[in-house]
Each structure stands twice: as C-alpha cells, then as structure tokens.
Amino acid sequence: MSGALMLWLAVAMAVFITANSVLRAYVTSAQVWVLLVALALFCVGNLMMVRLMRESGLAVAISVSSIVQLVMIGLVAWFIFGERPTGLQIAGMALGVVAVAMIAWPAGAKG
C-alpha cells in the first residue's frame, strides 16, 4: 500500500473506531439520536473503504481493515470502557496481526 492509501486507511479506521465507540455509548444511553450518529459514521467508513478496495484489492483492504479494527477496538474497550480481553482473545488478535502481515507483505520481498 502506498503512503496515501495508508493515510486513507488510518482515517477510515478512525471513523470506524469512533462509530463503534458511539454505538457502545448507545448501549448505555438508549437514545435514538446516538444510534443514528453511529450508523452515519459506519456509512462514511464504508464509503471510504471503497477507495481502498479499488486501489489495493478486496482481500488486502478488508483483511487489513478488519484486523486494525479488531486490535484498535480491543484497546478502546480495554482503556475506555474497562473491558478486559482474556489471554485467548489476545492470542487471537496477535494471530490476526500475523495473518494480515503475511497477506499484505510486498510481493517479491525477502523475509
């Protein structure tokens, strides 16, 4: 992925993380406007993903996006909402990071 695409991915991930955090806030507030804000943010994030899918391919874009969201949402859940993942869940996140590194590894690069 180019530098511009990495920046685009970072912004898209920020949108998704914000959307998930707002959705978690909806669970405690149960106010419809909070849900609508979360849904709007998810729409923006998905529209941003279209460019990533077009320029880097579906497999790479979705894989990288999924794992980045998994890890970042895990951190948000831990530090903001006080949720603690189990050792098995942390191991799963680590395996996801390794898997995405293998998927996104530049073609022809030496290990």
C-alpha atoms as a PDB file:
ATOM      1  CA  MET A   1       0.000   0.000   0.000  1.00  0.00           C
ATOM      2  CA  SER A   2       1.192   3.474  -0.816  1.00  0.00           C
ATOM      3  CA  GLY A   3       1.602   6.193   1.783  1.00  0.00           C
ATOM      4  CA  ALA A   4      -1.566   7.938   0.623  1.00  0.00           C
ATOM      5  CA  LEU A   5      -3.558   4.718   0.945  1.00  0.00           C
ATOM      6  CA  MET A   6      -2.136   4.112   4.413  1.00  0.00           C
ATOM      7  CA  LEU A   7      -3.278   7.594   5.439  1.00  0.00           C
ATOM      8  CA  TRP A   8      -6.720   6.942   3.913  1.00  0.00           C
ATOM      9  CA  LEU A   9      -6.866   3.641   5.832  1.00  0.00           C
ATOM     10  CA  ALA A  10      -5.921   5.416   9.060  1.00  0.00           C
ATOM     11  CA  VAL A  11      -8.729   7.950   8.615  1.00  0.00           C
ATOM     12  CA  ALA A  12     -11.228   5.203   7.730  1.00  0.00           C
ATOM     13  CA  MET A  13     -10.187   3.254  10.825  1.00  0.00           C
ATOM     14  CA  ALA A  14     -10.608   6.366  12.969  1.00  0.00           C
ATOM     15  CA  VAL A  15     -14.142   6.728  11.594  1.00  0.00           C
ATOM     16  CA  PHE A  16     -14.932   3.065  12.317  1.00  0.00           C
ATOM     17  CA  ILE A  17     -13.463   3.222  15.823  1.00  0.00           C
ATOM     18  CA  THR A  18     -15.488   6.348  16.549  1.00  0.00           C
ATOM     19  CA  ALA A  19     -18.613   4.671  15.164  1.00  0.00           C
ATOM     20  CA  ASN A  20     -18.081   1.609  17.359  1.00  0.00           C
ATOM     21  CA  SER A  21     -17.432   3.763  20.416  1.00  0.00           C
ATOM     22  CA  VAL A  22     -20.603   5.762  19.766  1.00  0.00           C
ATOM     23  CA  LEU A  23     -22.511   2.506  19.311  1.00  0.00           C
ATOM     24  CA  ARG A  24     -21.173   1.298  22.676  1.00  0.00           C
ATOM     25  CA  ALA A  25     -22.352   4.577  24.202  1.00  0.00           C
ATOM     26  CA  TYR A  26     -25.792   3.902  22.709  1.00  0.00           C
ATOM     27  CA  VAL A  27     -25.972   0.701  24.756  1.00  0.00           C
ATOM     28  CA  THR A  28     -25.902   2.735  27.963  1.00  0.00           C
ATOM     29  CA  SER A  29     -27.956   5.731  26.802  1.00  0.00           C
ATOM     30  CA  ALA A  30     -30.546   4.057  24.534  1.00  0.00           C
ATOM     31  CA  GLN A  31     -31.171   7.377  22.778  1.00  0.00           C
ATOM     32  CA  VAL A  32     -32.107   7.049  19.123  1.00  0.00           C
ATOM     33  CA  TRP A  33     -30.010  10.026  18.001  1.00  0.00           C
ATOM     34  CA  VAL A  34     -26.863   8.289  19.315  1.00  0.00           C
ATOM     35  CA  LEU A  35     -27.710   5.228  17.228  1.00  0.00           C
ATOM     36  CA  LEU A  36     -28.267   7.424  14.160  1.00  0.00           C
ATOM     37  CA  VAL A  37     -24.873   9.101  14.618  1.00  0.00           C
ATOM     38  CA  ALA A  38     -23.200   5.676  14.849  1.00  0.00           C
ATOM     39  CA  LEU A  39     -24.965   4.476  11.700  1.00  0.00           C
ATOM     40  CA  ALA A  40     -23.958   7.627   9.810  1.00  0.00           C
ATOM     41  CA  LEU A  41     -20.334   7.106  10.834  1.00  0.00           C
ATOM     42  CA  PHE A  42     -20.457   3.476   9.686  1.00  0.00           C
ATOM     43  CA  CYS A  43     -21.780   4.665   6.305  1.00  0.00           C
ATOM     44  CA  VAL A  44     -18.925   7.157   5.956  1.00  0.00           C
ATOM     45  CA  GLY A  45     -16.373   4.493   6.907  1.00  0.00           C
ATOM     46  CA  ASN A  46     -17.765   2.028   4.376  1.00  0.00           C
ATOM     47  CA  LEU A  47     -17.748   4.647   1.639  1.00  0.00           C
ATOM     48  CA  MET A  48     -14.094   5.339   2.440  1.00  0.00           C
ATOM     49  CA  MET A  49     -13.364   1.617   2.164  1.00  0.00           C
ATOM     50  CA  VAL A  50     -14.489   1.667  -1.482  1.00  0.00           C
ATOM     51  CA  ARG A  51     -11.336   3.560  -2.495  1.00  0.00           C
ATOM     52  CA  LEU A  52      -9.145   1.166  -0.535  1.00  0.00           C
ATOM     53  CA  MET A  53     -10.798  -1.845  -2.161  1.00  0.00           C
ATOM     54  CA  ARG A  54     -10.460  -0.327  -5.605  1.00  0.00           C
ATOM     55  CA  GLU A  55      -6.768   0.543  -5.251  1.00  0.00           C
ATOM     56  CA  SER A  56      -5.415  -2.327  -3.146  1.00  0.00           C
ATOM     57  CA  GLY A  57      -7.858  -5.125  -3.856  1.00  0.00           C
ATOM     58  CA  LEU A  58     -10.712  -6.545  -1.862  1.00  0.00           C
ATOM     59  CA  ALA A  59      -8.718  -9.182   0.048  1.00  0.00           C
ATOM     60  CA  VAL A  60      -5.996  -6.827   1.234  1.00  0.00           C
ATOM     61  CA  ALA A  61      -8.282  -3.894   2.064  1.00  0.00           C
ATOM     62  CA  ILE A  62     -10.839  -5.888   4.027  1.00  0.00           C
ATOM     63  CA  SER A  63      -8.239  -8.037   5.791  1.00  0.00           C
ATOM     64  CA  VAL A  64      -6.155  -5.087   6.922  1.00  0.00           C
ATOM     65  CA  SER A  65      -9.242  -3.110   7.895  1.00  0.00           C
ATOM     66  CA  SER A  66     -10.724  -5.970   9.901  1.00  0.00           C
ATOM     67  CA  ILE A  67      -7.599  -6.664  11.925  1.00  0.00           C
ATOM     68  CA  VAL A  68      -6.791  -3.000  12.545  1.00  0.00           C
ATOM     69  CA  GLN A  69     -10.355  -2.518  13.779  1.00  0.00           C
ATOM     70  CA  LEU A  70     -10.143  -5.674  15.901  1.00  0.00           C
ATOM     71  CA  VAL A  71      -6.996  -4.517  17.669  1.00  0.00           C
ATOM     72  CA  MET A  72      -7.986  -0.856  17.999  1.00  0.00           C
ATOM     73  CA  ILE A  73     -11.491  -1.632  19.252  1.00  0.00           C
ATOM     74  CA  GLY A  74      -9.935  -4.064  21.719  1.00  0.00           C
ATOM     75  CA  LEU A  75      -7.758  -1.235  23.017  1.00  0.00           C
ATOM     76  CA  VAL A  76     -10.703   1.174  23.190  1.00  0.00           C
ATOM     77  CA  ALA A  77     -12.752  -1.438  25.060  1.00  0.00           C
ATOM     78  CA  TRP A  78      -9.881  -2.005  27.469  1.00  0.00           C
ATOM     79  CA  PHE A  79      -8.847   1.589  28.200  1.00  0.00           C
ATOM     80  CA  ILE A  80     -12.117   3.496  27.840  1.00  0.00           C
ATOM     81  CA  PHE A  81     -14.833   1.001  28.759  1.00  0.00           C
ATOM     82  CA  GLY A  82     -12.817  -1.123  31.210  1.00  0.00           C
ATOM     83  CA  GLU A  83     -13.400  -4.418  29.384  1.00  0.00           C
ATOM     84  CA  ARG A  84     -10.513  -6.886  29.739  1.00  0.00           C
ATOM     85  CA  PRO A  85      -9.849  -9.454  26.988  1.00  0.00           C
ATOM     86  CA  THR A  86      -8.866 -12.965  28.006  1.00  0.00           C
ATOM     87  CA  GLY A  87      -5.480 -14.451  27.157  1.00  0.00           C
ATOM     88  CA  LEU A  88      -7.086 -16.489  24.387  1.00  0.00           C
ATOM     89  CA  GLN A  89      -8.634 -13.334  22.894  1.00  0.00           C
ATOM     90  CA  ILE A  90      -5.281 -11.528  22.995  1.00  0.00           C
ATOM     91  CA  ALA A  91      -3.656 -14.534  21.291  1.00  0.00           C
ATOM     92  CA  GLY A  92      -6.356 -14.395  18.607  1.00  0.00           C
ATOM     93  CA  MET A  93      -5.641 -10.715  17.998  1.00  0.00           C
ATOM     94  CA  ALA A  94      -1.920 -11.454  17.714  1.00  0.00           C
ATOM     95  CA  LEU A  95      -2.585 -14.244  15.209  1.00  0.00           C
ATOM     96  CA  GLY A  96      -4.753 -11.841  13.214  1.00  0.00           C
ATOM     97  CA  VAL A  97      -1.901  -9.331  13.072  1.00  0.00           C
ATOM     98  CA  VAL A  98       0.477 -12.047  11.837  1.00  0.00           C
ATOM     99  CA  ALA A  99      -2.064 -13.180   9.228  1.00  0.00           C
ATOM    100  CA  VAL A 100      -2.545  -9.663   7.866  1.00  0.00           C
ATOM    101  CA  ALA A 101       1.205  -9.078   7.788  1.00  0.00           C
ATOM    102  CA  MET A 102       1.509 -12.185   5.635  1.00  0.00           C
ATOM    103  CA  ILE A 103      -1.356 -11.074   3.343  1.00  0.00           C
ATOM    104  CA  ALA A 104      -0.085  -7.510   2.938  1.00  0.00           C
ATOM    105  CA  TRP A 105       3.619  -8.415   2.663  1.00  0.00           C
ATOM    106  CA  PRO A 106       5.010  -6.827  -0.506  1.00  0.00           C
ATOM    107  CA  ALA A 107       5.325  -9.271  -3.395  1.00  0.00           C
ATOM    108  CA  GLY A 108       8.926 -10.327  -4.011  1.00  0.00           C
ATOM    109  CA  ALA A 109      10.134  -9.129  -0.580  1.00  0.00           C
ATOM    110  CA  LYS A 110      12.661 -11.330   1.151  1.00  0.00           C
ATOM    111  CA  GLY A 111      11.803 -12.496   4.699  1.00  0.00           C
END
